[in-house]
Amino acid sequence: MPEQARIPQVIQVDDTVVYTDSFLDRHSRFHIDMQSATGTVKALHHVRTLTFADVEWNKPGLPKRVNIKYLKKKMNTPLMA
């Protein structure tokens, strides 16, 4: 069975986001709060071929503007009864 290509998620304003696993693997040792941070996208900025998101994080000290390639939508998991 051929491996299916992964469809990238489109980040939009008002999405809840977290850092991608690959970004955390490279950078989380510098800032421990990155691993548990969630944020809301407030605006998107297109600069040439890049797109940056203004993110309002739930943890202090994290960068406000982030390249969207380092973000992914937070998946809402249903609570177990």
Protein backbone atom coordinates (compact mmCIF):
# COMPACT_ATOMS: atom_id res chain seq x y z
CA MET A 1 0.00 0.00 0.00
CA PRO A 2 1.57 3.33 -1.01
CA GLU A 3 2.27 5.89 1.69
CA GLN A 4 -0.20 8.78 1.53
CA ALA A 5 1.16 12.30 1.38
CA ARG A 6 0.48 14.32 4.50
CA ILE A 7 -1.80 17.25 3.79
CA PRO A 8 -0.52 20.37 5.56
CA GLN A 9 -2.93 22.14 7.87
CA VAL A 10 -3.83 25.67 6.92
CA ILE A 11 -3.39 28.07 9.82
CA GLN A 12 -6.04 30.77 9.99
CA VAL A 13 -6.91 33.70 12.25
CA ASP A 14 -8.60 32.52 15.50
CA ASP A 15 -7.08 29.02 15.28
CA THR A 16 -5.64 27.54 18.46
CA VAL A 17 -2.05 26.51 17.76
CA VAL A 18 0.96 24.82 19.35
CA TYR A 19 4.57 24.52 18.22
CA THR A 20 5.33 21.63 15.85
CA ASP A 21 7.10 18.57 17.22
CA SER A 22 10.12 19.13 14.97
CA PHE A 23 10.47 22.73 16.20
CA LEU A 24 10.25 21.60 19.82
CA ASP A 25 12.86 18.89 19.22
CA ARG A 26 15.32 21.57 18.09
CA HIS A 27 14.43 24.48 20.40
CA SER A 28 12.56 23.45 23.54
CA ARG A 29 15.72 23.02 25.62
CA PHE A 30 16.05 26.81 25.50
CA HIS A 31 12.55 27.57 26.76
CA ILE A 32 10.69 24.86 28.69
CA ASP A 33 7.30 26.61 28.41
CA MET A 34 7.27 26.01 24.65
CA GLN A 35 6.24 22.39 25.15
CA SER A 36 2.99 23.21 26.95
CA ALA A 37 2.23 26.53 25.26
CA THR A 38 -0.97 27.04 23.33
CA GLY A 39 -1.92 30.21 21.55
CA THR A 40 -4.55 31.90 19.43
CA VAL A 41 -3.67 33.30 16.02
CA LYS A 42 -4.61 36.99 15.98
CA ALA A 43 -3.28 38.00 12.53
CA LEU A 44 -1.38 36.64 9.54
CA HIS A 45 1.37 38.51 7.68
CA HIS A 46 2.61 37.47 4.23
CA VAL A 47 6.21 38.47 3.50
CA ARG A 48 7.39 37.30 0.09
CA THR A 49 7.08 33.51 0.23
CA LEU A 50 6.73 33.28 4.03
CA THR A 51 3.70 33.63 6.27
CA PHE A 52 3.98 34.75 9.89
CA ALA A 53 1.30 34.53 12.57
CA ASP A 54 0.80 36.93 15.45
CA VAL A 55 0.09 34.56 18.33
CA GLU A 56 -1.34 35.36 21.75
CA TRP A 57 0.26 32.66 23.95
CA ASN A 58 -0.96 31.31 27.28
CA LYS A 59 2.64 31.45 28.59
CA PRO A 60 4.73 34.61 29.04
CA GLY A 61 7.98 35.27 27.23
CA LEU A 62 7.24 33.49 23.95
CA PRO A 63 7.64 35.32 20.63
CA LYS A 64 4.54 37.09 19.38
CA ARG A 65 5.30 36.63 15.67
CA VAL A 66 6.07 33.09 14.49
CA ASN A 67 6.63 31.55 11.06
CA ILE A 68 3.59 29.32 10.48
CA LYS A 69 5.82 26.42 9.42
CA TYR A 70 6.68 26.09 13.13
CA LEU A 71 3.02 25.92 14.19
CA LYS A 72 0.26 23.35 13.97
CA LYS A 73 -3.39 23.43 14.90
CA LYS A 74 -4.13 22.08 18.34
CA MET A 75 -6.24 18.98 18.07
CA ASN A 76 -9.17 18.96 20.45
CA THR A 77 -9.41 15.54 22.06
CA PRO A 78 -12.73 14.52 23.57
CA LEU A 79 -12.71 13.99 27.31
CA MET A 80 -13.17 10.44 28.53
CA ALA A 81 -16.32 9.93 30.58
